[in-house]
Amino acid sequence: MDEALEAVGPDHDMLVDGVVRYTSYPFVSGVTVEGTAAGTRAMKARMGEAGFQEWLKGQDVLREETAVVIKE
């Protein structure tokens, strides 16, 4: 997903309506990511921080009880 967001530009840091497809054939595998890239900085500028946080709550973007954070 990082590569998909990087491909559209540095202003995009969120994938909306994302779909991840895995393919596997003998000796070859692949992953395809599709979705709508969005930039949270622009959204916060338009909505304000409080409005953006309210929007996030309504979108079920992250469920805190099932979230897994991976650090390198």
PDB file of N, CA and C in Angstrom:
ATOM      1  N   MET A   1       0.818  -1.181   0.000  1.00  0.00           N
ATOM      2  CA  MET A   1       0.000   0.000   0.000  1.00  0.00           C
ATOM      3  C   MET A   1       0.865   1.249   0.000  1.00  0.00           C
ATOM      4  N   ASP A   2       2.005   1.172   0.680  1.00  0.00           N
ATOM      5  CA  ASP A   2       2.910   2.323   0.679  1.00  0.00           C
ATOM      6  C   ASP A   2       3.338   2.675  -0.732  1.00  0.00           C
ATOM      7  N   GLU A   3       3.675   1.680  -1.517  1.00  0.00           N
ATOM      8  CA  GLU A   3       4.099   1.938  -2.895  1.00  0.00           C
ATOM      9  C   GLU A   3       2.978   2.559  -3.721  1.00  0.00           C
ATOM     10  N   ALA A   4       1.755   2.141  -3.488  1.00  0.00           N
ATOM     11  CA  ALA A   4       0.616   2.715  -4.221  1.00  0.00           C
ATOM     12  C   ALA A   4       0.459   4.192  -3.867  1.00  0.00           C
ATOM     13  N   LEU A   5       0.572   4.536  -2.589  1.00  0.00           N
ATOM     14  CA  LEU A   5       0.457   5.932  -2.178  1.00  0.00           C
ATOM     15  C   LEU A   5       1.639   6.757  -2.667  1.00  0.00           C
ATOM     16  N   GLU A   6       2.837   6.196  -2.620  1.00  0.00           N
ATOM     17  CA  GLU A   6       4.013   6.910  -3.110  1.00  0.00           C
ATOM     18  C   GLU A   6       3.921   7.180  -4.607  1.00  0.00           C
ATOM     19  N   ALA A   7       3.263   6.288  -5.334  1.00  0.00           N
ATOM     20  CA  ALA A   7       3.143   6.448  -6.790  1.00  0.00           C
ATOM     21  C   ALA A   7       2.288   7.661  -7.168  1.00  0.00           C
ATOM     22  N   VAL A   8       1.333   8.047  -6.314  1.00  0.00           N
ATOM     23  CA  VAL A   8       0.471   9.183  -6.649  1.00  0.00           C
ATOM     24  C   VAL A   8       1.010  10.511  -6.133  1.00  0.00           C
ATOM     25  N   GLY A   9       2.011  10.477  -5.267  1.00  0.00           N
ATOM     26  CA  GLY A   9       2.634  11.721  -4.831  1.00  0.00           C
ATOM     27  C   GLY A   9       2.731  11.855  -3.330  1.00  0.00           C
ATOM     28  N   PRO A  10       3.585  12.756  -2.881  1.00  0.00           N
ATOM     29  CA  PRO A  10       3.843  12.895  -1.448  1.00  0.00           C
ATOM     30  C   PRO A  10       2.699  13.509  -0.640  1.00  0.00           C
ATOM     31  N   ASP A  11       1.745  14.130  -1.294  1.00  0.00           N
ATOM     32  CA  ASP A  11       0.631  14.751  -0.571  1.00  0.00           C
ATOM     33  C   ASP A  11      -0.448  13.755  -0.184  1.00  0.00           C
ATOM     34  N   HIS A  12      -0.325  12.528  -0.609  1.00  0.00           N
ATOM     35  CA  HIS A  12      -1.338  11.512  -0.329  1.00  0.00           C
ATOM     36  C   HIS A  12      -0.819  10.537   0.727  1.00  0.00           C
ATOM     37  N   ASP A  13      -1.591  10.381   1.791  1.00  0.00           N
ATOM     38  CA  ASP A  13      -1.162   9.492   2.870  1.00  0.00           C
ATOM     39  C   ASP A  13      -2.276   8.581   3.383  1.00  0.00           C
ATOM     40  N   MET A  14      -3.395   8.522   2.653  1.00  0.00           N
ATOM     41  CA  MET A  14      -4.505   7.669   3.058  1.00  0.00           C
ATOM     42  C   MET A  14      -5.146   7.052   1.818  1.00  0.00           C
ATOM     43  N   LEU A  15      -5.490   5.767   1.923  1.00  0.00           N
ATOM     44  CA  LEU A  15      -6.147   5.068   0.831  1.00  0.00           C
ATOM     45  C   LEU A  15      -7.592   4.799   1.239  1.00  0.00           C
ATOM     46  N   VAL A  16      -8.530   5.312   0.452  1.00  0.00           N
ATOM     47  CA  VAL A  16      -9.956   5.176   0.747  1.00  0.00           C
ATOM     48  C   VAL A  16     -10.532   4.116  -0.189  1.00  0.00           C
ATOM     49  N   ASP A  17     -11.404   3.272   0.318  1.00  0.00           N
ATOM     50  CA  ASP A  17     -12.018   2.201  -0.468  1.00  0.00           C
ATOM     51  C   ASP A  17     -10.957   1.307  -1.103  1.00  0.00           C
ATOM     52  N   GLY A  18      -9.941   0.979  -0.317  1.00  0.00           N
ATOM     53  CA  GLY A  18      -8.831   0.177  -0.825  1.00  0.00           C
ATOM     54  C   GLY A  18      -9.200  -1.286  -0.995  1.00  0.00           C
ATOM     55  N   VAL A  19      -8.654  -1.873  -2.039  1.00  0.00           N
ATOM     56  CA  VAL A  19      -8.822  -3.299  -2.322  1.00  0.00           C
ATOM     57  C   VAL A  19      -7.438  -3.872  -2.577  1.00  0.00           C
ATOM     58  N   VAL A  20      -7.114  -4.966  -1.895  1.00  0.00           N
ATOM     59  CA  VAL A  20      -5.831  -5.637  -2.092  1.00  0.00           C
ATOM     60  C   VAL A  20      -6.119  -6.996  -2.710  1.00  0.00           C
ATOM     61  N   ARG A  21      -5.481  -7.257  -3.844  1.00  0.00           N
ATOM     62  CA  ARG A  21      -5.670  -8.540  -4.536  1.00  0.00           C
ATOM     63  C   ARG A  21      -4.334  -9.268  -4.594  1.00  0.00           C
ATOM     64  N   TYR A  22      -4.364 -10.524  -4.193  1.00  0.00           N
ATOM     65  CA  TYR A  22      -3.177 -11.366  -4.245  1.00  0.00           C
ATOM     66  C   TYR A  22      -3.321 -12.354  -5.384  1.00  0.00           C
ATOM     67  N   THR A  23      -2.236 -12.559  -6.116  1.00  0.00           N
ATOM     68  CA  THR A  23      -2.230 -13.571  -7.166  1.00  0.00           C
ATOM     69  C   THR A  23      -1.068 -14.516  -6.898  1.00  0.00           C
ATOM     70  N   SER A  24      -1.272 -15.755  -7.246  1.00  0.00           N
ATOM     71  CA  SER A  24      -0.219 -16.730  -7.025  1.00  0.00           C
ATOM     72  C   SER A  24      -0.261 -17.786  -8.115  1.00  0.00           C
ATOM     73  N   TYR A  25       0.861 -17.948  -8.759  1.00  0.00           N
ATOM     74  CA  TYR A  25       1.056 -18.965  -9.777  1.00  0.00           C
ATOM     75  C   TYR A  25       2.342 -19.698  -9.422  1.00  0.00           C
ATOM     76  N   PRO A  26       2.585 -20.842  -9.979  1.00  0.00           N
ATOM     77  CA  PRO A  26       3.846 -21.512  -9.674  1.00  0.00           C
ATOM     78  C   PRO A  26       5.036 -20.580  -9.965  1.00  0.00           C
ATOM     79  N   PHE A  27       5.850 -20.365  -8.972  1.00  0.00           N
ATOM     80  CA  PHE A  27       7.079 -19.563  -9.052  1.00  0.00           C
ATOM     81  C   PHE A  27       6.850 -18.056  -9.199  1.00  0.00           C
ATOM     82  N   VAL A  28       5.612 -17.606  -9.216  1.00  0.00           N
ATOM     83  CA  VAL A  28       5.318 -16.180  -9.364  1.00  0.00           C
ATOM     84  C   VAL A  28       4.158 -15.813  -8.449  1.00  0.00           C
ATOM     85  N   SER A  29       4.301 -14.706  -7.746  1.00  0.00           N
ATOM     86  CA  SER A  29       3.186 -14.189  -6.953  1.00  0.00           C
ATOM     87  C   SER A  29       3.180 -12.671  -7.084  1.00  0.00           C
ATOM     88  N   GLY A  30       2.046 -12.075  -6.790  1.00  0.00           N
ATOM     89  CA  GLY A  30       1.935 -10.631  -6.915  1.00  0.00           C
ATOM     90  C   GLY A  30       0.844 -10.063  -6.042  1.00  0.00           C
ATOM     91  N   VAL A  31       0.920  -8.773  -5.843  1.00  0.00           N
ATOM     92  CA  VAL A  31      -0.069  -8.044  -5.062  1.00  0.00           C
ATOM     93  C   VAL A  31      -0.455  -6.801  -5.859  1.00  0.00           C
ATOM     94  N   THR A  32      -1.753  -6.555  -5.979  1.00  0.00           N
ATOM     95  CA  THR A  32      -2.265  -5.365  -6.636  1.00  0.00           C
ATOM     96  C   THR A  32      -3.097  -4.586  -5.626  1.00  0.00           C
ATOM     97  N   VAL A  33      -2.846  -3.283  -5.524  1.00  0.00           N
ATOM     98  CA  VAL A  33      -3.586  -2.427  -4.602  1.00  0.00           C
ATOM     99  C   VAL A  33      -4.321  -1.387  -5.428  1.00  0.00           C
ATOM    100  N   GLU A  34      -5.624  -1.261  -5.189  1.00  0.00           N
ATOM    101  CA  GLU A  34      -6.441  -0.259  -5.867  1.00  0.00           C
ATOM    102  C   GLU A  34      -7.217   0.527  -4.820  1.00  0.00           C
ATOM    103  N   GLY A  35      -7.522   1.756  -5.116  1.00  0.00           N
ATOM    104  CA  GLY A  35      -8.304   2.577  -4.211  1.00  0.00           C
ATOM    105  C   GLY A  35      -8.194   4.040  -4.597  1.00  0.00           C
ATOM    106  N   THR A  36      -8.746   4.888  -3.773  1.00  0.00           N
ATOM    107  CA  THR A  36      -8.696   6.325  -3.988  1.00  0.00           C
ATOM    108  C   THR A  36      -7.726   6.927  -2.990  1.00  0.00           C
ATOM    109  N   ALA A  37      -6.686   7.564  -3.493  1.00  0.00           N
ATOM    110  CA  ALA A  37      -5.690   8.191  -2.624  1.00  0.00           C
ATOM    111  C   ALA A  37      -6.203   9.549  -2.167  1.00  0.00           C
ATOM    112  N   ALA A  38      -5.969   9.852  -0.901  1.00  0.00           N
ATOM    113  CA  ALA A  38      -6.385  11.133  -0.335  1.00  0.00           C
ATOM    114  C   ALA A  38      -5.266  11.679   0.533  1.00  0.00           C
ATOM    115  N   GLY A  39      -5.267  12.977   0.705  1.00  0.00           N
ATOM    116  CA  GLY A  39      -4.282  13.635   1.562  1.00  0.00           C
ATOM    117  C   GLY A  39      -4.957  14.194   2.798  1.00  0.00           C
ATOM    118  N   THR A  40      -4.541  13.715   3.967  1.00  0.00           N
ATOM    119  CA  THR A  40      -5.175  14.182   5.196  1.00  0.00           C
ATOM    120  C   THR A  40      -4.846  15.642   5.488  1.00  0.00           C
ATOM    121  N   ARG A  41      -3.697  16.126   5.051  1.00  0.00           N
ATOM    122  CA  ARG A  41      -3.338  17.525   5.299  1.00  0.00           C
ATOM    123  C   ARG A  41      -4.347  18.459   4.624  1.00  0.00           C
ATOM    124  N   ALA A  42      -4.694  18.163   3.383  1.00  0.00           N
ATOM    125  CA  ALA A  42      -5.670  18.991   2.663  1.00  0.00           C
ATOM    126  C   ALA A  42      -7.058  18.873   3.289  1.00  0.00           C
ATOM    127  N   MET A  43      -7.400  17.658   3.737  1.00  0.00           N
ATOM    128  CA  MET A  43      -8.713  17.469   4.364  1.00  0.00           C
ATOM    129  C   MET A  43      -8.810  18.254   5.670  1.00  0.00           C
ATOM    130  N   LYS A  44      -7.732  18.229   6.468  1.00  0.00           N
ATOM    131  CA  LYS A  44      -7.725  18.983   7.726  1.00  0.00           C
ATOM    132  C   LYS A  44      -7.806  20.475   7.467  1.00  0.00           C
ATOM    133  N   ALA A  45      -7.158  20.954   6.415  1.00  0.00           N
ATOM    134  CA  ALA A  45      -7.211  22.383   6.082  1.00  0.00           C
ATOM    135  C   ALA A  45      -8.628  22.797   5.710  1.00  0.00           C
ATOM    136  N   ARG A  46      -9.342  21.913   5.003  1.00  0.00           N
ATOM    137  CA  ARG A  46     -10.709  22.215   4.594  1.00  0.00           C
ATOM    138  C   ARG A  46     -11.704  22.069   5.740  1.00  0.00           C
ATOM    139  N   MET A  47     -11.576  20.997   6.522  1.00  0.00           N
ATOM    140  CA  MET A  47     -12.564  20.680   7.559  1.00  0.00           C
ATOM    141  C   MET A  47     -12.201  21.216   8.932  1.00  0.00           C
ATOM    142  N   GLY A  48     -10.929  21.499   9.147  1.00  0.00           N
ATOM    143  CA  GLY A  48     -10.448  21.797  10.494  1.00  0.00           C
ATOM    144  C   GLY A  48     -10.163  20.486  11.207  1.00  0.00           C
ATOM    145  N   GLU A  49      -9.343  20.542  12.243  1.00  0.00           N
ATOM    146  CA  GLU A  49      -8.961  19.321  12.955  1.00  0.00           C
ATOM    147  C   GLU A  49     -10.157  18.614  13.566  1.00  0.00           C
ATOM    148  N   ALA A  50     -11.050  19.367  14.215  1.00  0.00           N
ATOM    149  CA  ALA A  50     -12.226  18.761  14.854  1.00  0.00           C
ATOM    150  C   ALA A  50     -13.144  18.118  13.811  1.00  0.00           C
ATOM    151  N   GLY A  51     -13.357  18.791  12.695  1.00  0.00           N
ATOM    152  CA  GLY A  51     -14.197  18.237  11.640  1.00  0.00           C
ATOM    153  C   GLY A  51     -13.590  16.989  11.031  1.00  0.00           C
ATOM    154  N   PHE A  52     -12.265  16.976  10.876  1.00  0.00           N
ATOM    155  CA  PHE A  52     -11.582  15.802  10.337  1.00  0.00           C
ATOM    156  C   PHE A  52     -11.714  14.619  11.285  1.00  0.00           C
ATOM    157  N   GLN A  53     -11.522  14.854  12.582  1.00  0.00           N
ATOM    158  CA  GLN A  53     -11.656  13.772  13.565  1.00  0.00           C
ATOM    159  C   GLN A  53     -13.085  13.228  13.578  1.00  0.00           C
ATOM    160  N   GLU A  54     -14.057  14.093  13.432  1.00  0.00           N
ATOM    161  CA  GLU A  54     -15.462  13.653  13.374  1.00  0.00           C
ATOM    162  C   GLU A  54     -15.701  12.825  12.119  1.00  0.00           C
ATOM    163  N   TRP A  55     -15.130  13.226  10.999  1.00  0.00           N
ATOM    164  CA  TRP A  55     -15.251  12.468   9.757  1.00  0.00           C
ATOM    165  C   TRP A  55     -14.643  11.085   9.921  1.00  0.00           C
ATOM    166  N   LEU A  56     -13.462  11.014  10.547  1.00  0.00           N
ATOM    167  CA  LEU A  56     -12.816   9.718  10.766  1.00  0.00           C
ATOM    168  C   LEU A  56     -13.697   8.772  11.568  1.00  0.00           C
ATOM    169  N   LYS A  57     -14.352   9.287  12.600  1.00  0.00           N
ATOM    170  CA  LYS A  57     -15.232   8.451  13.427  1.00  0.00           C
ATOM    171  C   LYS A  57     -16.343   7.834  12.594  1.00  0.00           C
ATOM    172  N   GLY A  58     -16.873   8.582  11.656  1.00  0.00           N
ATOM    173  CA  GLY A  58     -17.966   8.090  10.825  1.00  0.00           C
ATOM    174  C   GLY A  58     -17.528   7.144   9.722  1.00  0.00           C
ATOM    175  N   GLN A  59     -16.224   7.083   9.437  1.00  0.00           N
ATOM    176  CA  GLN A  59     -15.738   6.275   8.327  1.00  0.00           C
ATOM    177  C   GLN A  59     -15.242   4.894   8.739  1.00  0.00           C
ATOM    178  N   ASP A  60     -15.123   4.633  10.023  1.00  0.00           N
ATOM    179  CA  ASP A  60     -14.606   3.353  10.504  1.00  0.00           C
ATOM    180  C   ASP A  60     -13.248   3.061   9.867  1.00  0.00           C
ATOM    181  N   VAL A  61     -12.399   4.092   9.834  1.00  0.00           N
ATOM    182  CA  VAL A  61     -11.082   3.981   9.218  1.00  0.00           C
ATOM    183  C   VAL A  61     -10.174   3.088  10.043  1.00  0.00           C
ATOM    184  N   LEU A  62     -10.261   3.198  11.350  1.00  0.00           N
ATOM    185  CA  LEU A  62      -9.390   2.431  12.225  1.00  0.00           C
ATOM    186  C   LEU A  62     -10.179   1.971  13.434  1.00  0.00           C
ATOM    187  N   ARG A  63     -10.156   0.701  13.660  1.00  0.00           N
ATOM    188  CA  ARG A  63     -10.785   0.162  14.866  1.00  0.00           C
ATOM    189  C   ARG A  63      -9.685  -0.045  15.886  1.00  0.00           C
ATOM    190  N   GLU A  64      -9.691   0.750  16.930  1.00  0.00           N
ATOM    191  CA  GLU A  64      -8.628   0.699  17.915  1.00  0.00           C
ATOM    192  C   GLU A  64      -8.481  -0.673  18.552  1.00  0.00           C
ATOM    193  N   GLU A  65      -9.585  -1.384  18.734  1.00  0.00           N
ATOM    194  CA  GLU A  65      -9.514  -2.688  19.393  1.00  0.00           C
ATOM    195  C   GLU A  65      -8.860  -3.759  18.538  1.00  0.00           C
ATOM    196  N   THR A  66      -8.781  -3.563  17.225  1.00  0.00           N
ATOM    197  CA  THR A  66      -8.164  -4.572  16.368  1.00  0.00           C
ATOM    198  C   THR A  66      -6.935  -4.040  15.628  1.00  0.00           C
ATOM    199  N   ALA A  67      -6.536  -2.808  15.919  1.00  0.00           N
ATOM    200  CA  ALA A  67      -5.408  -2.211  15.208  1.00  0.00           C
ATOM    201  C   ALA A  67      -4.092  -2.869  15.613  1.00  0.00           C
ATOM    202  N   VAL A  68      -3.249  -3.044  14.640  1.00  0.00           N
ATOM    203  CA  VAL A  68      -1.901  -3.566  14.878  1.00  0.00           C
ATOM    204  C   VAL A  68      -0.923  -2.570  14.284  1.00  0.00           C
ATOM    205  N   VAL A  69      -0.037  -2.062  15.118  1.00  0.00           N
ATOM    206  CA  VAL A  69       0.964  -1.121  14.666  1.00  0.00           C
ATOM    207  C   VAL A  69       2.290  -1.854  14.552  1.00  0.00           C
ATOM    208  N   ILE A  70       2.886  -1.771  13.383  1.00  0.00           N
ATOM    209  CA  ILE A  70       4.157  -2.437  13.141  1.00  0.00           C
ATOM    210  C   ILE A  70       5.216  -1.379  12.933  1.00  0.00           C
ATOM    211  N   LYS A  71       6.275  -1.464  13.706  1.00  0.00           N
ATOM    212  CA  LYS A  71       7.386  -0.517  13.565  1.00  0.00           C
ATOM    213  C   LYS A  71       8.594  -1.272  13.039  1.00  0.00           C
ATOM    214  N   GLU A  72       9.324  -0.597  12.172  1.00  0.00           N
ATOM    215  CA  GLU A  72      10.520  -1.217  11.604  1.00  0.00           C
ATOM    216  C   GLU A  72      11.669  -1.146  12.582  1.00  0.00           C
TER     217      GLU A  72
END
